[in-house]
Amino acid sequence: MLLMNKSRKVIIVASTVRKRMAGESTGHDWWHVYRVWRNSLYIARGERGADLFIVQLAALLHDIADWKFSNGDTKRGAKVAREILKRAGVDEKSIRQVCHIVENVSYKGGFGIALDTREGRIVQDADRVDALGAIGIARAFAYGGSRGRELYNPYIKPRRYRNFEEFKRSSGRSTTINHFYEKLLLLRKRMNTRTGKELAMERERFMREYLERFYKEWKGTV
């Protein structure tokens, strides 16, 4: 009965998130959440001892009010997540666990805190996996276009950021191809789990092949 009750709460949260995020066009839509949810469960199978209730709720809510779309407010996601979880009847202890993950799962230019729970590390890996590979490339260009970024400009070089505030301020000033070097190709080494690293390795390989082709076409050699 308890298991069924938890499953129902997950379904309620999933339905709420789907309604709120359907049709979003920057690559942070419901289907991104769905893939992170699915990949979180896949990764969790290789990580013994993970609480799948917490994993699923955190995966579903990890992007509910991302700081990039909340005027840089890194606390808003956890606030909105708490409201949704309370309405779904989730207990306070679980709410605190999920909100901690939601608040800290984002890459934040590489300056975020290290998540200290198995559940958090799983969801973070699942989110980062979805930033890689063919889907990651599609999402990068969708997001870049929404921020007015050029596809590529050989006169604008990738940057190294000194802190999170500098990373936030730079949004929109770089190019989408630079984003590969400023974030995406750095993710594999930051994976927390064995399964996450394996998934990231294959997807990163594809992205590097894509970049080789991109530069060839840019130069007109193919």
C-alpha atoms as a PDB file:
ATOM      1  CA  MET A   1       0.000   0.000   0.000  1.00  0.00           C
ATOM      2  CA  LEU A   2       2.842   2.376   0.873  1.00  0.00           C
ATOM      3  CA  LEU A   3       4.568   1.609  -2.451  1.00  0.00           C
ATOM      4  CA  MET A   4       1.345   2.300  -4.350  1.00  0.00           C
ATOM      5  CA  ASN A   5       0.931   5.559  -2.444  1.00  0.00           C
ATOM      6  CA  LYS A   6       4.433   6.700  -3.413  1.00  0.00           C
ATOM      7  CA  SER A   7       3.871   5.681  -7.029  1.00  0.00           C
ATOM      8  CA  ARG A   8       0.701   7.757  -7.108  1.00  0.00           C
ATOM      9  CA  LYS A   9       2.559  10.795  -5.770  1.00  0.00           C
ATOM     10  CA  VAL A  10       5.206  10.409  -8.475  1.00  0.00           C
ATOM     11  CA  ILE A  11       2.455  10.302 -11.098  1.00  0.00           C
ATOM     12  CA  ILE A  12       0.819  13.429  -9.654  1.00  0.00           C
ATOM     13  CA  VAL A  13       4.128  15.322  -9.736  1.00  0.00           C
ATOM     14  CA  ALA A  14       4.875  14.105 -13.271  1.00  0.00           C
ATOM     15  CA  SER A  15       1.461  15.311 -14.460  1.00  0.00           C
ATOM     16  CA  THR A  16       1.994  18.730 -12.879  1.00  0.00           C
ATOM     17  CA  VAL A  17       5.460  19.128 -14.400  1.00  0.00           C
ATOM     18  CA  ARG A  18       4.260  18.045 -17.826  1.00  0.00           C
ATOM     19  CA  LYS A  19       1.504  20.651 -17.822  1.00  0.00           C
ATOM     20  CA  ARG A  20       3.890  23.412 -16.735  1.00  0.00           C
ATOM     21  CA  MET A  21       6.706  22.592 -19.152  1.00  0.00           C
ATOM     22  CA  ALA A  22       4.928  21.365 -22.285  1.00  0.00           C
ATOM     23  CA  GLY A  23       5.871  23.282 -25.433  1.00  0.00           C
ATOM     24  CA  GLU A  24       8.967  24.953 -23.980  1.00  0.00           C
ATOM     25  CA  SER A  25      11.379  25.601 -26.863  1.00  0.00           C
ATOM     26  CA  THR A  26      14.880  26.020 -25.392  1.00  0.00           C
ATOM     27  CA  GLY A  27      15.575  22.323 -24.799  1.00  0.00           C
ATOM     28  CA  HIS A  28      14.474  22.511 -21.146  1.00  0.00           C
ATOM     29  CA  ASP A  29      10.998  21.185 -21.890  1.00  0.00           C
ATOM     30  CA  TRP A  30       8.889  18.316 -20.573  1.00  0.00           C
ATOM     31  CA  TRP A  31      10.629  15.809 -22.848  1.00  0.00           C
ATOM     32  CA  HIS A  32      14.021  16.789 -21.431  1.00  0.00           C
ATOM     33  CA  VAL A  33      12.559  16.135 -17.960  1.00  0.00           C
ATOM     34  CA  TYR A  34      11.104  12.836 -19.163  1.00  0.00           C
ATOM     35  CA  ARG A  35      14.484  11.685 -20.481  1.00  0.00           C
ATOM     36  CA  VAL A  36      16.228  12.687 -17.250  1.00  0.00           C
ATOM     37  CA  TRP A  37      13.553  10.792 -15.293  1.00  0.00           C
ATOM     38  CA  ARG A  38      14.070   7.709 -17.445  1.00  0.00           C
ATOM     39  CA  ASN A  39      17.874   7.928 -17.391  1.00  0.00           C
ATOM     40  CA  SER A  40      17.863   8.465 -13.623  1.00  0.00           C
ATOM     41  CA  LEU A  41      16.112   5.136 -13.176  1.00  0.00           C
ATOM     42  CA  TYR A  42      18.542   3.492 -15.599  1.00  0.00           C
ATOM     43  CA  ILE A  43      21.574   4.842 -13.724  1.00  0.00           C
ATOM     44  CA  ALA A  44      20.013   3.983 -10.351  1.00  0.00           C
ATOM     45  CA  ARG A  45      19.886   0.313 -11.296  1.00  0.00           C
ATOM     46  CA  GLY A  46      23.685   0.323 -11.192  1.00  0.00           C
ATOM     47  CA  GLU A  47      23.835   2.253  -7.913  1.00  0.00           C
ATOM     48  CA  ARG A  48      22.686   0.041  -5.085  1.00  0.00           C
ATOM     49  CA  GLY A  49      20.818   1.597  -2.205  1.00  0.00           C
ATOM     50  CA  ALA A  50      19.297   4.581  -3.995  1.00  0.00           C
ATOM     51  CA  ASP A  51      15.826   5.668  -2.871  1.00  0.00           C
ATOM     52  CA  LEU A  52      13.891   5.555  -6.142  1.00  0.00           C
ATOM     53  CA  PHE A  53      11.105   7.712  -4.731  1.00  0.00           C
ATOM     54  CA  ILE A  54      13.548  10.566  -4.123  1.00  0.00           C
ATOM     55  CA  VAL A  55      15.351   9.926  -7.421  1.00  0.00           C
ATOM     56  CA  GLN A  56      12.144  10.149  -9.434  1.00  0.00           C
ATOM     57  CA  LEU A  57      10.791  13.248  -7.710  1.00  0.00           C
ATOM     58  CA  ALA A  58      14.122  15.073  -8.030  1.00  0.00           C
ATOM     59  CA  ALA A  59      14.457  14.093 -11.693  1.00  0.00           C
ATOM     60  CA  LEU A  60      10.949  15.343 -12.429  1.00  0.00           C
ATOM     61  CA  LEU A  61      11.499  18.655 -10.655  1.00  0.00           C
ATOM     62  CA  HIS A  62      15.166  19.339 -11.393  1.00  0.00           C
ATOM     63  CA  ASP A  63      14.379  22.010 -14.036  1.00  0.00           C
ATOM     64  CA  ILE A  64      11.029  23.268 -12.764  1.00  0.00           C
ATOM     65  CA  ALA A  65      12.318  26.843 -12.354  1.00  0.00           C
ATOM     66  CA  ASP A  66      15.894  26.833 -13.568  1.00  0.00           C
ATOM     67  CA  TRP A  67      17.941  29.901 -12.586  1.00  0.00           C
ATOM     68  CA  LYS A  68      18.607  30.618 -16.284  1.00  0.00           C
ATOM     69  CA  PHE A  69      14.896  31.356 -16.721  1.00  0.00           C
ATOM     70  CA  SER A  70      14.314  32.898 -13.274  1.00  0.00           C
ATOM     71  CA  ASN A  71      16.436  36.058 -13.489  1.00  0.00           C
ATOM     72  CA  GLY A  72      19.405  34.206 -12.043  1.00  0.00           C
ATOM     73  CA  ASP A  73      17.536  33.178  -8.871  1.00  0.00           C
ATOM     74  CA  THR A  74      19.172  29.892  -7.830  1.00  0.00           C
ATOM     75  CA  LYS A  75      16.636  29.386  -5.004  1.00  0.00           C
ATOM     76  CA  ARG A  76      13.450  29.595  -7.044  1.00  0.00           C
ATOM     77  CA  GLY A  77      13.559  26.017  -8.329  1.00  0.00           C
ATOM     78  CA  ALA A  78      13.539  24.587  -4.807  1.00  0.00           C
ATOM     79  CA  LYS A  79      10.702  26.932  -3.786  1.00  0.00           C
ATOM     80  CA  VAL A  80       8.504  25.887  -6.691  1.00  0.00           C
ATOM     81  CA  ALA A  81       9.414  22.229  -6.168  1.00  0.00           C
ATOM     82  CA  ARG A  82       8.370  22.467  -2.515  1.00  0.00           C
ATOM     83  CA  GLU A  83       4.970  23.861  -3.482  1.00  0.00           C
ATOM     84  CA  ILE A  84       4.349  21.064  -5.976  1.00  0.00           C
ATOM     85  CA  LEU A  85       5.505  18.348  -3.568  1.00  0.00           C
ATOM     86  CA  LYS A  86       3.320  19.655  -0.747  1.00  0.00           C
ATOM     87  CA  ARG A  87       0.257  19.661  -3.005  1.00  0.00           C
ATOM     88  CA  ALA A  88       1.069  16.069  -3.965  1.00  0.00           C
ATOM     89  CA  GLY A  89       1.116  15.061  -0.294  1.00  0.00           C
ATOM     90  CA  VAL A  90       4.838  14.244  -0.077  1.00  0.00           C
ATOM     91  CA  ASP A  91       6.245  14.065   3.467  1.00  0.00           C
ATOM     92  CA  GLU A  92       8.499  16.844   4.795  1.00  0.00           C
ATOM     93  CA  LYS A  93      11.665  14.729   5.038  1.00  0.00           C
ATOM     94  CA  SER A  94      11.389  13.720   1.376  1.00  0.00           C
ATOM     95  CA  ILE A  95      10.610  17.311   0.372  1.00  0.00           C
ATOM     96  CA  ARG A  96      13.819  18.529   2.013  1.00  0.00           C
ATOM     97  CA  GLN A  97      15.854  15.848   0.239  1.00  0.00           C
ATOM     98  CA  VAL A  98      14.352  16.612  -3.157  1.00  0.00           C
ATOM     99  CA  CYS A  99      14.651  20.388  -2.769  1.00  0.00           C
ATOM    100  CA  HIS A 100      18.324  20.078  -1.830  1.00  0.00           C
ATOM    101  CA  ILE A 101      18.925  18.214  -5.096  1.00  0.00           C
ATOM    102  CA  VAL A 102      16.850  20.654  -7.162  1.00  0.00           C
ATOM    103  CA  GLU A 103      18.749  23.622  -5.747  1.00  0.00           C
ATOM    104  CA  ASN A 104      22.189  22.143  -6.402  1.00  0.00           C
ATOM    105  CA  VAL A 105      21.883  19.875  -9.454  1.00  0.00           C
ATOM    106  CA  SER A 106      22.742  22.565 -12.023  1.00  0.00           C
ATOM    107  CA  TYR A 107      26.219  22.773 -13.547  1.00  0.00           C
ATOM    108  CA  LYS A 108      26.551  26.498 -12.712  1.00  0.00           C
ATOM    109  CA  GLY A 109      29.642  26.907 -14.816  1.00  0.00           C
ATOM    110  CA  GLY A 110      31.383  24.155 -12.863  1.00  0.00           C
ATOM    111  CA  PHE A 111      31.121  26.126  -9.608  1.00  0.00           C
ATOM    112  CA  GLY A 112      28.196  24.293  -8.016  1.00  0.00           C
ATOM    113  CA  ILE A 113      28.570  22.296  -4.818  1.00  0.00           C
ATOM    114  CA  ALA A 114      29.193  18.554  -4.906  1.00  0.00           C
ATOM    115  CA  LEU A 115      25.964  16.691  -4.202  1.00  0.00           C
ATOM    116  CA  ASP A 116      26.341  14.591  -1.075  1.00  0.00           C
ATOM    117  CA  THR A 117      23.629  11.957  -1.614  1.00  0.00           C
ATOM    118  CA  ARG A 118      23.489   8.951  -3.906  1.00  0.00           C
ATOM    119  CA  GLU A 119      20.136  10.157  -5.219  1.00  0.00           C
ATOM    120  CA  GLY A 120      21.489  13.605  -6.029  1.00  0.00           C
ATOM    121  CA  ARG A 121      24.508  12.225  -7.848  1.00  0.00           C
ATOM    122  CA  ILE A 122      22.284   9.957  -9.935  1.00  0.00           C
ATOM    123  CA  VAL A 123      19.941  12.763 -11.007  1.00  0.00           C
ATOM    124  CA  GLN A 124      22.858  15.086 -11.729  1.00  0.00           C
ATOM    125  CA  ASP A 125      24.444  12.479 -13.988  1.00  0.00           C
ATOM    126  CA  ALA A 126      21.152  11.865 -15.793  1.00  0.00           C
ATOM    127  CA  ASP A 127      20.741  15.598 -16.404  1.00  0.00           C
ATOM    128  CA  ARG A 128      24.294  15.909 -17.707  1.00  0.00           C
ATOM    129  CA  VAL A 129      23.927  12.882 -19.970  1.00  0.00           C
ATOM    130  CA  ASP A 130      21.025  14.660 -21.688  1.00  0.00           C
ATOM    131  CA  ALA A 131      23.351  17.576 -22.462  1.00  0.00           C
ATOM    132  CA  LEU A 132      25.556  15.228 -24.510  1.00  0.00           C
ATOM    133  CA  GLY A 133      25.267  13.269 -27.747  1.00  0.00           C
ATOM    134  CA  ALA A 134      22.850  13.977 -30.585  1.00  0.00           C
ATOM    135  CA  ILE A 135      20.182  15.292 -28.241  1.00  0.00           C
ATOM    136  CA  GLY A 136      22.743  17.437 -26.454  1.00  0.00           C
ATOM    137  CA  ILE A 137      23.757  19.026 -29.754  1.00  0.00           C
ATOM    138  CA  ALA A 138      20.136  19.750 -30.641  1.00  0.00           C
ATOM    139  CA  ARG A 139      19.503  21.248 -27.203  1.00  0.00           C
ATOM    140  CA  ALA A 140      22.643  23.386 -27.377  1.00  0.00           C
ATOM    141  CA  PHE A 141      21.554  25.040 -30.617  1.00  0.00           C
ATOM    142  CA  ALA A 142      17.965  25.462 -29.423  1.00  0.00           C
ATOM    143  CA  TYR A 143      19.143  27.179 -26.252  1.00  0.00           C
ATOM    144  CA  GLY A 144      21.771  29.221 -28.078  1.00  0.00           C
ATOM    145  CA  GLY A 145      19.170  30.535 -30.508  1.00  0.00           C
ATOM    146  CA  SER A 146      16.888  31.509 -27.628  1.00  0.00           C
ATOM    147  CA  ARG A 147      19.730  33.579 -26.172  1.00  0.00           C
ATOM    148  CA  GLY A 148      20.696  35.247 -29.441  1.00  0.00           C
ATOM    149  CA  ARG A 149      23.999  33.413 -29.707  1.00  0.00           C
ATOM    150  CA  GLU A 150      25.820  33.051 -33.017  1.00  0.00           C
ATOM    151  CA  LEU A 151      26.296  29.463 -34.179  1.00  0.00           C
ATOM    152  CA  TYR A 152      30.024  30.012 -34.503  1.00  0.00           C
ATOM    153  CA  ASN A 153      32.395  32.917 -34.850  1.00  0.00           C
ATOM    154  CA  PRO A 154      36.105  32.116 -35.267  1.00  0.00           C
ATOM    155  CA  TYR A 155      37.000  35.490 -33.736  1.00  0.00           C
ATOM    156  CA  ILE A 156      35.225  34.670 -30.468  1.00  0.00           C
ATOM    157  CA  LYS A 157      37.229  32.147 -28.460  1.00  0.00           C
ATOM    158  CA  PRO A 158      35.961  29.849 -25.691  1.00  0.00           C
ATOM    159  CA  ARG A 159      36.345  31.333 -22.214  1.00  0.00           C
ATOM    160  CA  ARG A 160      37.455  30.057 -18.831  1.00  0.00           C
ATOM    161  CA  TYR A 161      35.265  31.443 -16.076  1.00  0.00           C
ATOM    162  CA  ARG A 162      36.601  32.405 -12.655  1.00  0.00           C
ATOM    163  CA  ASN A 163      33.356  32.046 -10.723  1.00  0.00           C
ATOM    164  CA  PHE A 164      29.616  31.431 -11.066  1.00  0.00           C
ATOM    165  CA  GLU A 165      28.716  35.130 -11.208  1.00  0.00           C
ATOM    166  CA  GLU A 166      31.023  35.621 -14.181  1.00  0.00           C
ATOM    167  CA  PHE A 167      29.493  32.567 -15.844  1.00  0.00           C
ATOM    168  CA  LYS A 168      25.978  33.991 -15.355  1.00  0.00           C
ATOM    169  CA  ARG A 169      26.901  37.407 -16.755  1.00  0.00           C
ATOM    170  CA  SER A 170      28.463  35.880 -19.857  1.00  0.00           C
ATOM    171  CA  SER A 171      25.244  34.167 -20.983  1.00  0.00           C
ATOM    172  CA  GLY A 172      24.535  35.215 -24.569  1.00  0.00           C
ATOM    173  CA  ARG A 173      27.984  36.671 -25.211  1.00  0.00           C
ATOM    174  CA  SER A 174      29.607  33.503 -26.468  1.00  0.00           C
ATOM    175  CA  THR A 175      28.668  31.190 -29.368  1.00  0.00           C
ATOM    176  CA  THR A 176      26.990  27.800 -29.360  1.00  0.00           C
ATOM    177  CA  ILE A 177      30.104  26.046 -30.651  1.00  0.00           C
ATOM    178  CA  ASN A 178      32.088  27.659 -27.838  1.00  0.00           C
ATOM    179  CA  HIS A 179      29.527  26.223 -25.402  1.00  0.00           C
ATOM    180  CA  PHE A 180      30.795  22.769 -26.331  1.00  0.00           C
ATOM    181  CA  TYR A 181      34.218  23.680 -24.929  1.00  0.00           C
ATOM    182  CA  GLU A 182      33.021  25.872 -22.073  1.00  0.00           C
ATOM    183  CA  LYS A 183      30.688  23.216 -20.657  1.00  0.00           C
ATOM    184  CA  LEU A 184      29.551  20.193 -22.662  1.00  0.00           C
ATOM    185  CA  LEU A 185      32.910  18.536 -23.288  1.00  0.00           C
ATOM    186  CA  LEU A 186      33.820  19.029 -19.631  1.00  0.00           C
ATOM    187  CA  LEU A 187      30.882  17.006 -18.316  1.00  0.00           C
ATOM    188  CA  ARG A 188      32.234  13.471 -18.776  1.00  0.00           C
ATOM    189  CA  LYS A 189      35.002  14.005 -16.228  1.00  0.00           C
ATOM    190  CA  ARG A 190      32.478  15.391 -13.765  1.00  0.00           C
ATOM    191  CA  MET A 191      30.171  12.389 -13.799  1.00  0.00           C
ATOM    192  CA  ASN A 192      29.518  10.844 -10.400  1.00  0.00           C
ATOM    193  CA  THR A 193      28.561   7.262 -11.244  1.00  0.00           C
ATOM    194  CA  ARG A 194      30.060   4.439 -13.272  1.00  0.00           C
ATOM    195  CA  THR A 195      26.970   4.184 -15.473  1.00  0.00           C
ATOM    196  CA  GLY A 196      26.896   7.945 -15.993  1.00  0.00           C
ATOM    197  CA  LYS A 197      30.524   7.925 -17.091  1.00  0.00           C
ATOM    198  CA  GLU A 198      29.876   5.102 -19.556  1.00  0.00           C
ATOM    199  CA  LEU A 199      26.910   6.912 -21.113  1.00  0.00           C
ATOM    200  CA  ALA A 200      28.830  10.183 -21.236  1.00  0.00           C
ATOM    201  CA  MET A 201      31.841   8.613 -22.940  1.00  0.00           C
ATOM    202  CA  GLU A 202      29.832   7.362 -25.907  1.00  0.00           C
ATOM    203  CA  ARG A 203      27.892  10.588 -26.279  1.00  0.00           C
ATOM    204  CA  GLU A 204      30.989  12.760 -26.001  1.00  0.00           C
ATOM    205  CA  ARG A 205      32.642  10.721 -28.752  1.00  0.00           C
ATOM    206  CA  PHE A 206      29.710  11.517 -31.042  1.00  0.00           C
ATOM    207  CA  MET A 207      29.946  15.219 -30.220  1.00  0.00           C
ATOM    208  CA  ARG A 208      33.630  15.336 -31.077  1.00  0.00           C
ATOM    209  CA  GLU A 209      32.895  13.655 -34.402  1.00  0.00           C
ATOM    210  CA  TYR A 210      30.200  16.254 -35.015  1.00  0.00           C
ATOM    211  CA  LEU A 211      32.632  19.088 -34.322  1.00  0.00           C
ATOM    212  CA  GLU A 212      35.167  17.643 -36.775  1.00  0.00           C
ATOM    213  CA  ARG A 213      32.494  17.581 -39.458  1.00  0.00           C
ATOM    214  CA  PHE A 214      31.280  21.072 -38.538  1.00  0.00           C
ATOM    215  CA  TYR A 215      34.743  22.591 -38.996  1.00  0.00           C
ATOM    216  CA  LYS A 216      35.236  20.787 -42.311  1.00  0.00           C
ATOM    217  CA  GLU A 217      31.954  22.123 -43.641  1.00  0.00           C
ATOM    218  CA  TRP A 218      32.730  25.581 -42.253  1.00  0.00           C
ATOM    219  CA  LYS A 219      35.982  25.612 -44.216  1.00  0.00           C
ATOM    220  CA  GLY A 220      34.245  24.197 -47.298  1.00  0.00           C
ATOM    221  CA  THR A 221      36.496  21.128 -47.481  1.00  0.00           C
ATOM    222  CA  VAL A 222      33.615  18.596 -47.714  1.00  0.00           C
END
